[in-house]
Amino acid sequence: MGMAQKTKLKFNIQQIKFILIFILFFFFVLTSSSFASSSYVLPYPSAMPGNIFYKINLLKEKVMKYWYYGDFGQFFYNLKQSDKYLVEAKTLFEYKQHLLGLVALKKSNEYFVQIKPNLLSAKENNKDISENTDILSEAALKHTEVLDELKLELPEVFVWTPEKDNPTTINFKEILDEAINIRNESQ
């Protein structure tokens, strides 16, 4: 082998090593797993307050309540709405829109409280609720994970001071603990 061929061969081996390391690095980075304890998936946030489509979504929500009839229909409707408003609350809290986030969290709580009675009604009607009970348990676990994250991110007490109005004190610890208790009671 001539000197030029050895140099060319070394260069090719070094390139191959670099490419392999590069591929392995991205493989491990892109395939890193999450350590969430729930496999339940929350929806992507829909239109947020302030968006022109938000009021349209509120109207659609009221109409859809009647579309989902029966015990299981109402179960899935209330779960879907509770999920949606929890994601909305989390997003609003992340953007420091605390008052709007509280409204969304209260809506999520209201819908979540309505889920269990739908299952109990289905059970009274001799329907098999085992699968939906598992779904509710997974949802409650996921909701609790999100609420626990919010407890770490938000201050225990926050004073919201608008420009031309009286300040509002928000006790996040108490509000989030109440939301977690609602989820724990459903299991």
N, C-alpha and C. Protein backbone atom coordinates (compact mmCIF):
# COMPACT_ATOMS: atom_id res chain seq x y z
N MET A 1 0.83 -1.18 0.00
CA MET A 1 0.00 0.00 0.00
C MET A 1 0.87 1.24 0.00
N GLY A 2 0.52 2.15 -0.84
CA GLY A 2 1.26 3.39 -0.90
C GLY A 2 0.88 4.31 0.24
N MET A 3 1.66 5.35 0.47
CA MET A 3 1.45 6.30 1.56
C MET A 3 0.12 7.06 1.39
N ALA A 4 -0.22 7.39 0.17
CA ALA A 4 -1.46 8.13 -0.08
C ALA A 4 -2.67 7.28 0.25
N GLN A 5 -2.58 5.98 -0.05
CA GLN A 5 -3.71 5.10 0.25
C GLN A 5 -3.89 4.91 1.75
N LYS A 6 -2.78 4.80 2.53
CA LYS A 6 -2.86 4.66 3.98
C LYS A 6 -3.52 5.90 4.59
N THR A 7 -3.15 7.08 4.14
CA THR A 7 -3.72 8.31 4.67
C THR A 7 -5.20 8.37 4.34
N LYS A 8 -5.54 8.00 3.13
CA LYS A 8 -6.94 8.00 2.72
C LYS A 8 -7.73 6.99 3.53
N LEU A 9 -7.16 5.81 3.80
CA LEU A 9 -7.81 4.78 4.58
C LEU A 9 -8.00 5.23 6.02
N LYS A 10 -6.98 5.85 6.63
CA LYS A 10 -7.09 6.36 8.00
C LYS A 10 -8.19 7.40 8.08
N PHE A 11 -8.22 8.26 7.09
CA PHE A 11 -9.21 9.33 7.08
C PHE A 11 -10.62 8.75 7.01
N ASN A 12 -10.81 7.71 6.23
CA ASN A 12 -12.12 7.07 6.11
C ASN A 12 -12.52 6.39 7.41
N ILE A 13 -11.59 5.76 8.08
CA ILE A 13 -11.90 5.10 9.36
C ILE A 13 -12.26 6.15 10.40
N GLN A 14 -11.56 7.27 10.43
CA GLN A 14 -11.88 8.34 11.37
C GLN A 14 -13.26 8.93 11.08
N GLN A 15 -13.57 9.08 9.81
CA GLN A 15 -14.89 9.58 9.44
C GLN A 15 -15.98 8.61 9.90
N ILE A 16 -15.74 7.34 9.70
CA ILE A 16 -16.72 6.32 10.09
C ILE A 16 -16.91 6.33 11.60
N LYS A 17 -15.81 6.44 12.36
CA LYS A 17 -15.91 6.51 13.82
C LYS A 17 -16.75 7.71 14.24
N PHE A 18 -16.47 8.86 13.62
CA PHE A 18 -17.20 10.08 13.96
C PHE A 18 -18.69 9.92 13.65
N ILE A 19 -19.00 9.38 12.52
CA ILE A 19 -20.40 9.19 12.12
C ILE A 19 -21.11 8.23 13.08
N LEU A 20 -20.43 7.13 13.45
CA LEU A 20 -21.03 6.18 14.38
C LEU A 20 -21.29 6.81 15.75
N ILE A 21 -20.32 7.56 16.24
CA ILE A 21 -20.49 8.24 17.54
C ILE A 21 -21.63 9.25 17.45
N PHE A 22 -21.68 9.97 16.35
CA PHE A 22 -22.73 10.95 16.13
C PHE A 22 -24.11 10.28 16.13
N ILE A 23 -24.24 9.19 15.42
CA ILE A 23 -25.51 8.45 15.34
C ILE A 23 -25.90 7.89 16.71
N LEU A 24 -24.94 7.29 17.41
CA LEU A 24 -25.23 6.75 18.74
C LEU A 24 -25.65 7.85 19.71
N PHE A 25 -24.98 8.99 19.65
CA PHE A 25 -25.32 10.11 20.52
C PHE A 25 -26.78 10.53 20.29
N PHE A 26 -27.16 10.75 19.03
CA PHE A 26 -28.52 11.15 18.74
C PHE A 26 -29.53 10.06 19.06
N PHE A 27 -29.15 8.82 18.88
CA PHE A 27 -30.04 7.72 19.23
C PHE A 27 -30.37 7.75 20.71
N PHE A 28 -29.35 7.92 21.55
CA PHE A 28 -29.58 7.95 23.00
C PHE A 28 -30.29 9.22 23.45
N VAL A 29 -29.99 10.32 22.82
CA VAL A 29 -30.64 11.58 23.20
C VAL A 29 -32.10 11.57 22.77
N LEU A 30 -32.36 11.16 21.56
CA LEU A 30 -33.72 11.20 21.05
C LEU A 30 -34.62 10.09 21.59
N THR A 31 -34.05 9.02 22.09
CA THR A 31 -34.87 7.93 22.60
C THR A 31 -34.86 7.87 24.12
N SER A 32 -34.44 8.96 24.77
CA SER A 32 -34.45 8.93 26.24
C SER A 32 -35.89 8.81 26.72
N SER A 33 -36.09 8.02 27.72
CA SER A 33 -37.45 7.75 28.17
C SER A 33 -37.82 8.68 29.31
N SER A 34 -39.10 8.88 29.43
CA SER A 34 -39.64 9.69 30.51
C SER A 34 -39.99 8.77 31.67
N PHE A 35 -39.88 9.26 32.87
CA PHE A 35 -40.13 8.43 34.02
C PHE A 35 -41.46 8.78 34.69
N ALA A 36 -42.47 9.11 33.90
CA ALA A 36 -43.79 9.38 34.45
C ALA A 36 -44.39 8.08 34.93
N SER A 37 -45.14 8.17 36.00
CA SER A 37 -45.72 6.95 36.55
C SER A 37 -47.08 6.63 35.93
N SER A 38 -47.57 7.48 35.06
CA SER A 38 -48.85 7.25 34.43
C SER A 38 -48.69 7.19 32.91
N SER A 39 -49.40 6.26 32.30
CA SER A 39 -49.34 6.15 30.85
C SER A 39 -50.46 6.96 30.19
N TYR A 40 -51.30 7.57 31.00
CA TYR A 40 -52.42 8.38 30.51
C TYR A 40 -51.86 9.63 29.83
N VAL A 41 -52.40 10.00 28.69
CA VAL A 41 -51.90 11.13 27.92
C VAL A 41 -52.93 12.26 27.94
N LEU A 42 -52.48 13.43 28.34
CA LEU A 42 -53.35 14.60 28.34
C LEU A 42 -53.35 15.23 26.96
N PRO A 43 -54.43 15.94 26.61
CA PRO A 43 -54.50 16.53 25.28
C PRO A 43 -53.59 17.75 25.14
N TYR A 44 -53.34 18.12 23.90
CA TYR A 44 -52.61 19.35 23.61
C TYR A 44 -53.55 20.52 23.93
N PRO A 45 -53.05 21.63 24.47
CA PRO A 45 -53.95 22.73 24.82
C PRO A 45 -54.68 23.28 23.60
N SER A 46 -55.97 23.52 23.77
CA SER A 46 -56.76 24.08 22.68
C SER A 46 -56.69 25.60 22.73
N ALA A 47 -57.64 26.27 22.13
CA ALA A 47 -57.65 27.74 22.14
C ALA A 47 -57.71 28.23 23.58
N MET A 48 -56.89 29.21 23.87
CA MET A 48 -56.77 29.75 25.22
C MET A 48 -57.59 31.03 25.34
N PRO A 49 -57.89 31.44 26.58
CA PRO A 49 -58.61 32.71 26.77
C PRO A 49 -57.87 33.84 26.06
N GLY A 50 -58.63 34.69 25.39
CA GLY A 50 -58.03 35.77 24.61
C GLY A 50 -58.00 35.45 23.13
N ASN A 51 -58.04 34.18 22.78
CA ASN A 51 -58.07 33.76 21.39
C ASN A 51 -59.50 33.94 20.87
N ILE A 52 -59.65 34.36 19.61
CA ILE A 52 -60.99 34.59 19.08
C ILE A 52 -61.83 33.31 19.01
N PHE A 53 -61.17 32.16 18.98
CA PHE A 53 -61.89 30.90 18.91
C PHE A 53 -62.29 30.36 20.28
N TYR A 54 -61.81 31.00 21.34
CA TYR A 54 -62.09 30.50 22.69
C TYR A 54 -63.59 30.50 23.00
N LYS A 55 -64.26 31.59 22.68
CA LYS A 55 -65.71 31.67 22.95
C LYS A 55 -66.48 30.68 22.08
N ILE A 56 -66.00 30.46 20.89
CA ILE A 56 -66.63 29.45 20.02
C ILE A 56 -66.48 28.07 20.64
N ASN A 57 -65.30 27.79 21.19
CA ASN A 57 -65.08 26.50 21.86
C ASN A 57 -65.97 26.35 23.08
N LEU A 58 -66.22 27.44 23.82
CA LEU A 58 -67.12 27.37 24.98
C LEU A 58 -68.54 27.02 24.53
N LEU A 59 -68.98 27.62 23.43
CA LEU A 59 -70.30 27.33 22.90
C LEU A 59 -70.36 25.87 22.42
N LYS A 60 -69.33 25.44 21.73
CA LYS A 60 -69.26 24.05 21.25
C LYS A 60 -69.29 23.07 22.43
N GLU A 61 -68.61 23.44 23.50
CA GLU A 61 -68.57 22.59 24.70
C GLU A 61 -69.98 22.39 25.27
N LYS A 62 -70.77 23.48 25.30
CA LYS A 62 -72.14 23.37 25.84
C LYS A 62 -73.02 22.49 24.95
N VAL A 63 -72.83 22.60 23.65
CA VAL A 63 -73.61 21.79 22.71
C VAL A 63 -73.19 20.32 22.82
N MET A 64 -71.88 20.08 22.92
CA MET A 64 -71.37 18.70 22.95
C MET A 64 -71.79 17.95 24.21
N LYS A 65 -72.11 18.68 25.27
CA LYS A 65 -72.56 18.02 26.50
C LYS A 65 -73.79 17.15 26.21
N TYR A 66 -74.64 17.60 25.30
CA TYR A 66 -75.85 16.84 24.97
C TYR A 66 -75.58 15.78 23.92
N TRP A 67 -74.47 15.89 23.23
CA TRP A 67 -74.10 14.89 22.24
C TRP A 67 -73.65 13.61 22.94
N TYR A 68 -72.97 13.77 24.06
CA TYR A 68 -72.50 12.63 24.84
C TYR A 68 -73.59 12.24 25.83
N TYR A 69 -74.47 11.35 25.43
CA TYR A 69 -75.57 10.95 26.31
C TYR A 69 -75.28 9.58 26.90
N GLY A 70 -75.98 9.27 27.96
CA GLY A 70 -75.79 7.99 28.64
C GLY A 70 -74.66 8.07 29.66
N ASP A 71 -74.58 7.03 30.46
CA ASP A 71 -73.59 7.01 31.54
C ASP A 71 -72.17 7.09 31.01
N PHE A 72 -71.84 6.25 30.04
CA PHE A 72 -70.48 6.23 29.52
C PHE A 72 -70.19 7.47 28.68
N GLY A 73 -71.18 7.94 27.95
CA GLY A 73 -70.99 9.16 27.17
C GLY A 73 -70.65 10.34 28.07
N GLN A 74 -71.39 10.48 29.15
CA GLN A 74 -71.12 11.56 30.10
C GLN A 74 -69.79 11.34 30.82
N PHE A 75 -69.46 10.08 31.08
CA PHE A 75 -68.15 9.76 31.68
C PHE A 75 -67.03 10.32 30.81
N PHE A 76 -67.07 9.98 29.52
CA PHE A 76 -66.01 10.41 28.62
C PHE A 76 -66.04 11.92 28.38
N TYR A 77 -67.23 12.50 28.31
CA TYR A 77 -67.33 13.95 28.13
C TYR A 77 -66.70 14.69 29.31
N ASN A 78 -67.08 14.31 30.52
CA ASN A 78 -66.55 14.99 31.70
C ASN A 78 -65.04 14.78 31.84
N LEU A 79 -64.57 13.58 31.53
CA LEU A 79 -63.14 13.31 31.59
C LEU A 79 -62.38 14.17 30.57
N LYS A 80 -62.92 14.22 29.37
CA LYS A 80 -62.29 15.01 28.30
C LYS A 80 -62.23 16.49 28.69
N GLN A 81 -63.31 17.01 29.25
CA GLN A 81 -63.34 18.42 29.63
C GLN A 81 -62.40 18.69 30.82
N SER A 82 -62.37 17.76 31.76
CA SER A 82 -61.47 17.92 32.90
C SER A 82 -60.01 17.93 32.44
N ASP A 83 -59.68 17.03 31.53
CA ASP A 83 -58.33 17.00 30.95
C ASP A 83 -58.00 18.32 30.27
N LYS A 84 -58.93 18.78 29.44
CA LYS A 84 -58.71 20.00 28.66
C LYS A 84 -58.46 21.19 29.58
N TYR A 85 -59.27 21.33 30.61
CA TYR A 85 -59.12 22.48 31.49
C TYR A 85 -57.90 22.37 32.41
N LEU A 86 -57.50 21.15 32.72
CA LEU A 86 -56.26 21.00 33.50
C LEU A 86 -55.05 21.45 32.67
N VAL A 87 -55.02 21.06 31.41
CA VAL A 87 -53.93 21.47 30.51
C VAL A 87 -53.97 22.99 30.32
N GLU A 88 -55.17 23.53 30.17
CA GLU A 88 -55.32 24.97 30.02
C GLU A 88 -54.79 25.69 31.27
N ALA A 89 -55.16 25.19 32.45
CA ALA A 89 -54.69 25.79 33.71
C ALA A 89 -53.18 25.74 33.80
N LYS A 90 -52.61 24.59 33.49
CA LYS A 90 -51.14 24.43 33.57
C LYS A 90 -50.44 25.42 32.64
N THR A 91 -50.95 25.55 31.43
CA THR A 91 -50.37 26.46 30.45
C THR A 91 -50.49 27.91 30.92
N LEU A 92 -51.65 28.27 31.43
CA LEU A 92 -51.85 29.64 31.91
C LEU A 92 -50.96 29.95 33.11
N PHE A 93 -50.80 28.99 34.00
CA PHE A 93 -49.91 29.20 35.15
C PHE A 93 -48.46 29.38 34.67
N GLU A 94 -48.07 28.61 33.67
CA GLU A 94 -46.71 28.73 33.15
C GLU A 94 -46.45 30.11 32.55
N TYR A 95 -47.52 30.72 32.00
CA TYR A 95 -47.39 32.06 31.41
C TYR A 95 -47.78 33.16 32.40
N LYS A 96 -47.82 32.80 33.68
CA LYS A 96 -48.10 33.75 34.76
C LYS A 96 -49.47 34.41 34.66
N GLN A 97 -50.41 33.73 34.04
CA GLN A 97 -51.79 34.20 33.96
C GLN A 97 -52.58 33.50 35.08
N HIS A 98 -52.25 33.87 36.32
CA HIS A 98 -52.73 33.13 37.48
C HIS A 98 -54.25 33.14 37.65
N LEU A 99 -54.89 34.28 37.45
CA LEU A 99 -56.34 34.33 37.64
C LEU A 99 -57.07 33.48 36.60
N LEU A 100 -56.62 33.55 35.36
CA LEU A 100 -57.23 32.72 34.31
C LEU A 100 -56.93 31.24 34.56
N GLY A 101 -55.73 30.96 35.05
CA GLY A 101 -55.36 29.59 35.39
C GLY A 101 -56.25 29.03 36.49
N LEU A 102 -56.58 29.85 37.48
CA LEU A 102 -57.47 29.41 38.55
C LEU A 102 -58.86 29.07 38.03
N VAL A 103 -59.36 29.90 37.13
CA VAL A 103 -60.68 29.64 36.54
C VAL A 103 -60.67 28.30 35.82
N ALA A 104 -59.62 28.04 35.05
CA ALA A 104 -59.51 26.78 34.31
C ALA A 104 -59.38 25.60 35.27
N LEU A 105 -58.60 25.75 36.33
CA LEU A 105 -58.45 24.67 37.30
C LEU A 105 -59.77 24.36 38.01
N LYS A 106 -60.53 25.40 38.33
CA LYS A 106 -61.84 25.18 38.96
C LYS A 106 -62.78 24.43 38.01
N LYS A 107 -62.74 24.79 36.73
CA LYS A 107 -63.57 24.07 35.75
C LYS A 107 -63.13 22.61 35.66
N SER A 108 -61.82 22.37 35.66
CA SER A 108 -61.31 21.00 35.62
C SER A 108 -61.82 20.22 36.83
N ASN A 109 -61.77 20.83 38.00
CA ASN A 109 -62.26 20.18 39.21
C ASN A 109 -63.75 19.87 39.11
N GLU A 110 -64.53 20.83 38.60
CA GLU A 110 -65.98 20.64 38.48
C GLU A 110 -66.30 19.46 37.56
N TYR A 111 -65.60 19.37 36.46
CA TYR A 111 -65.84 18.25 35.54
C TYR A 111 -65.35 16.94 36.15
N PHE A 112 -64.23 16.96 36.85
CA PHE A 112 -63.69 15.73 37.42
C PHE A 112 -64.62 15.16 38.48
N VAL A 113 -65.24 16.02 39.26
CA VAL A 113 -66.16 15.57 40.31
C VAL A 113 -67.36 14.84 39.70
N GLN A 114 -67.73 15.19 38.49
CA GLN A 114 -68.90 14.59 37.84
C GLN A 114 -68.62 13.22 37.21
N ILE A 115 -67.36 12.83 37.14
CA ILE A 115 -67.00 11.58 36.45
C ILE A 115 -67.46 10.36 37.24
N LYS A 116 -67.13 10.27 38.50
CA LYS A 116 -67.42 9.09 39.32
C LYS A 116 -68.92 8.78 39.38
N PRO A 117 -69.81 9.78 39.57
CA PRO A 117 -71.24 9.47 39.57
C PRO A 117 -71.73 8.80 38.27
N ASN A 118 -71.11 9.16 37.14
CA ASN A 118 -71.48 8.52 35.88
C ASN A 118 -71.13 7.03 35.90
N LEU A 119 -69.97 6.70 36.47
CA LEU A 119 -69.59 5.29 36.58
C LEU A 119 -70.51 4.55 37.54
N LEU A 120 -70.84 5.16 38.65
CA LEU A 120 -71.73 4.51 39.61
C LEU A 120 -73.11 4.29 39.01
N SER A 121 -73.58 5.23 38.24
CA SER A 121 -74.87 5.09 37.56
C SER A 121 -74.81 3.93 36.55
N ALA A 122 -73.72 3.82 35.83
CA ALA A 122 -73.56 2.71 34.87
C ALA A 122 -73.54 1.38 35.61
N LYS A 123 -72.88 1.36 36.76
CA LYS A 123 -72.83 0.12 37.55
C LYS A 123 -74.22 -0.27 38.03
N GLU A 124 -75.01 0.72 38.45
CA GLU A 124 -76.39 0.45 38.87
C GLU A 124 -77.24 -0.08 37.72
N ASN A 125 -76.87 0.29 36.49
CA ASN A 125 -77.58 -0.18 35.30
C ASN A 125 -76.97 -1.49 34.77
N ASN A 126 -76.20 -2.17 35.63
CA ASN A 126 -75.60 -3.47 35.31
C ASN A 126 -74.66 -3.44 34.11
N LYS A 127 -73.92 -2.34 33.95
CA LYS A 127 -72.93 -2.25 32.89
C LYS A 127 -71.56 -2.56 33.48
N ASP A 128 -70.69 -3.13 32.65
CA ASP A 128 -69.33 -3.44 33.08
C ASP A 128 -68.51 -2.14 33.08
N ILE A 129 -68.07 -1.74 34.25
CA ILE A 129 -67.33 -0.47 34.37
C ILE A 129 -65.84 -0.68 34.64
N SER A 130 -65.38 -1.91 34.58
CA SER A 130 -63.98 -2.20 34.96
C SER A 130 -62.98 -1.43 34.09
N GLU A 131 -63.19 -1.41 32.79
CA GLU A 131 -62.27 -0.72 31.89
C GLU A 131 -62.28 0.79 32.15
N ASN A 132 -63.47 1.33 32.34
CA ASN A 132 -63.57 2.77 32.59
C ASN A 132 -63.05 3.15 33.97
N THR A 133 -63.15 2.24 34.91
CA THR A 133 -62.58 2.49 36.24
C THR A 133 -61.06 2.58 36.13
N ASP A 134 -60.47 1.72 35.29
CA ASP A 134 -59.02 1.77 35.07
C ASP A 134 -58.62 3.09 34.38
N ILE A 135 -59.44 3.52 33.42
CA ILE A 135 -59.17 4.78 32.73
C ILE A 135 -59.23 5.93 33.73
N LEU A 136 -60.23 5.90 34.59
CA LEU A 136 -60.36 6.96 35.60
C LEU A 136 -59.18 6.96 36.56
N SER A 137 -58.73 5.79 36.96
CA SER A 137 -57.57 5.71 37.86
C SER A 137 -56.31 6.28 37.20
N GLU A 138 -56.10 5.92 35.92
CA GLU A 138 -54.95 6.45 35.18
C GLU A 138 -55.05 7.96 35.02
N ALA A 139 -56.26 8.45 34.72
CA ALA A 139 -56.45 9.89 34.56
C ALA A 139 -56.19 10.61 35.88
N ALA A 140 -56.71 10.05 36.97
CA ALA A 140 -56.50 10.67 38.29
C ALA A 140 -55.02 10.72 38.63
N LEU A 141 -54.31 9.66 38.29
CA LEU A 141 -52.88 9.61 38.55
C LEU A 141 -52.14 10.67 37.73
N LYS A 142 -52.48 10.79 36.46
CA LYS A 142 -51.85 11.78 35.59
C LYS A 142 -52.17 13.19 36.06
N HIS A 143 -53.43 13.43 36.41
CA HIS A 143 -53.81 14.75 36.91
C HIS A 143 -53.02 15.09 38.17
N THR A 144 -52.87 14.12 39.04
CA THR A 144 -52.13 14.35 40.29
C THR A 144 -50.66 14.67 39.99
N GLU A 145 -50.08 13.99 39.00
CA GLU A 145 -48.70 14.29 38.59
C GLU A 145 -48.57 15.75 38.16
N VAL A 146 -49.51 16.19 37.32
CA VAL A 146 -49.47 17.57 36.82
C VAL A 146 -49.66 18.56 37.98
N LEU A 147 -50.59 18.26 38.87
CA LEU A 147 -50.84 19.14 40.00
C LEU A 147 -49.64 19.18 40.95
N ASP A 148 -48.98 18.05 41.14
CA ASP A 148 -47.77 18.02 41.97
C ASP A 148 -46.66 18.87 41.34
N GLU A 149 -46.54 18.80 40.01
CA GLU A 149 -45.56 19.64 39.31
C GLU A 149 -45.88 21.12 39.54
N LEU A 150 -47.16 21.46 39.46
CA LEU A 150 -47.56 22.84 39.66
C LEU A 150 -47.26 23.30 41.08
N LYS A 151 -47.41 22.39 42.05
CA LYS A 151 -47.10 22.73 43.44
C LYS A 151 -45.63 23.11 43.59
N LEU A 152 -44.78 22.47 42.82
CA LEU A 152 -43.35 22.79 42.87
C LEU A 152 -43.03 24.10 42.15
N GLU A 153 -43.78 24.40 41.09
CA GLU A 153 -43.49 25.57 40.27
C GLU A 153 -44.11 26.86 40.81
N LEU A 154 -45.28 26.74 41.43
CA LEU A 154 -46.00 27.93 41.89
C LEU A 154 -45.68 28.23 43.34
N PRO A 155 -45.72 29.51 43.72
CA PRO A 155 -45.51 29.84 45.14
C PRO A 155 -46.72 29.37 45.97
N GLU A 156 -46.50 29.18 47.26
CA GLU A 156 -47.62 28.74 48.12
C GLU A 156 -48.72 29.79 48.15
N VAL A 157 -48.33 31.04 48.27
CA VAL A 157 -49.28 32.15 48.30
C VAL A 157 -48.78 33.21 47.33
N PHE A 158 -49.71 33.76 46.56
CA PHE A 158 -49.36 34.77 45.58
C PHE A 158 -50.35 35.93 45.69
N VAL A 159 -49.84 37.14 45.63
CA VAL A 159 -50.71 38.32 45.66
C VAL A 159 -50.74 38.93 44.26
N TRP A 160 -51.92 38.89 43.65
CA TRP A 160 -52.10 39.44 42.32
C TRP A 160 -52.54 40.89 42.49
N THR A 161 -51.73 41.82 41.98
CA THR A 161 -52.03 43.24 42.13
C THR A 161 -52.27 43.87 40.76
N PRO A 162 -53.54 44.05 40.39
CA PRO A 162 -53.84 44.72 39.13
C PRO A 162 -53.57 46.23 39.24
N GLU A 163 -53.53 46.89 38.10
CA GLU A 163 -53.20 48.31 38.09
C GLU A 163 -54.22 49.17 38.82
N LYS A 164 -55.51 48.96 38.56
CA LYS A 164 -56.53 49.86 39.09
C LYS A 164 -57.55 49.16 39.98
N ASP A 165 -57.17 48.06 40.58
CA ASP A 165 -58.11 47.31 41.40
C ASP A 165 -57.41 46.84 42.66
N ASN A 166 -58.19 46.27 43.57
CA ASN A 166 -57.62 45.75 44.81
C ASN A 166 -56.87 44.45 44.54
N PRO A 167 -55.81 44.22 45.33
CA PRO A 167 -55.05 42.97 45.14
C PRO A 167 -55.87 41.73 45.53
N THR A 168 -55.54 40.62 44.89
CA THR A 168 -56.18 39.34 45.18
C THR A 168 -55.11 38.38 45.67
N THR A 169 -55.35 37.78 46.84
CA THR A 169 -54.42 36.80 47.39
C THR A 169 -54.85 35.41 46.94
N ILE A 170 -53.92 34.70 46.36
CA ILE A 170 -54.19 33.35 45.87
C ILE A 170 -53.36 32.37 46.69
N ASN A 171 -54.03 31.45 47.35
CA ASN A 171 -53.34 30.42 48.14
C ASN A 171 -53.21 29.17 47.27
N PHE A 172 -52.14 29.12 46.49
CA PHE A 172 -51.95 28.01 45.55
C PHE A 172 -51.85 26.67 46.27
N LYS A 173 -51.18 26.64 47.40
CA LYS A 173 -51.02 25.37 48.11
C LYS A 173 -52.37 24.78 48.46
N GLU A 174 -53.25 25.60 49.00
CA GLU A 174 -54.59 25.14 49.39
C GLU A 174 -55.41 24.71 48.18
N ILE A 175 -55.36 25.50 47.12
CA ILE A 175 -56.14 25.22 45.91
C ILE A 175 -55.66 23.94 45.24
N LEU A 176 -54.33 23.78 45.15
CA LEU A 176 -53.79 22.58 44.50
C LEU A 176 -54.01 21.34 45.36
N ASP A 177 -53.92 21.49 46.69
CA ASP A 177 -54.20 20.35 47.58
C ASP A 177 -55.65 19.90 47.42
N GLU A 178 -56.57 20.86 47.30
CA GLU A 178 -57.98 20.53 47.10
C GLU A 178 -58.18 19.78 45.78
N ALA A 179 -57.51 20.25 44.73
CA ALA A 179 -57.62 19.59 43.42
C ALA A 179 -57.07 18.17 43.48
N ILE A 180 -55.97 17.99 44.18
CA ILE A 180 -55.38 16.65 44.33
C ILE A 180 -56.33 15.74 45.12
N ASN A 181 -56.94 16.27 46.18
CA ASN A 181 -57.89 15.48 46.96
C ASN A 181 -59.08 15.04 46.12
N ILE A 182 -59.55 15.92 45.24
CA ILE A 182 -60.66 15.55 44.35
C ILE A 182 -60.26 14.35 43.49
N ARG A 183 -59.05 14.37 42.98
CA ARG A 183 -58.57 13.26 42.13
C ARG A 183 -58.38 11.99 42.95
N ASN A 184 -57.87 12.13 44.16
CA ASN A 184 -57.64 10.95 45.01
C ASN A 184 -58.95 10.30 45.45
N GLU A 185 -59.99 11.09 45.66
CA GLU A 185 -61.29 10.54 46.08
C GLU A 185 -61.94 9.71 44.98
N SER A 186 -61.54 9.93 43.74
CA SER A 186 -62.16 9.19 42.64
C SER A 186 -61.61 7.79 42.50
N GLN A 187 -60.52 7.49 43.17
CA GLN A 187 -59.88 6.18 42.98
C GLN A 187 -60.39 5.15 43.95
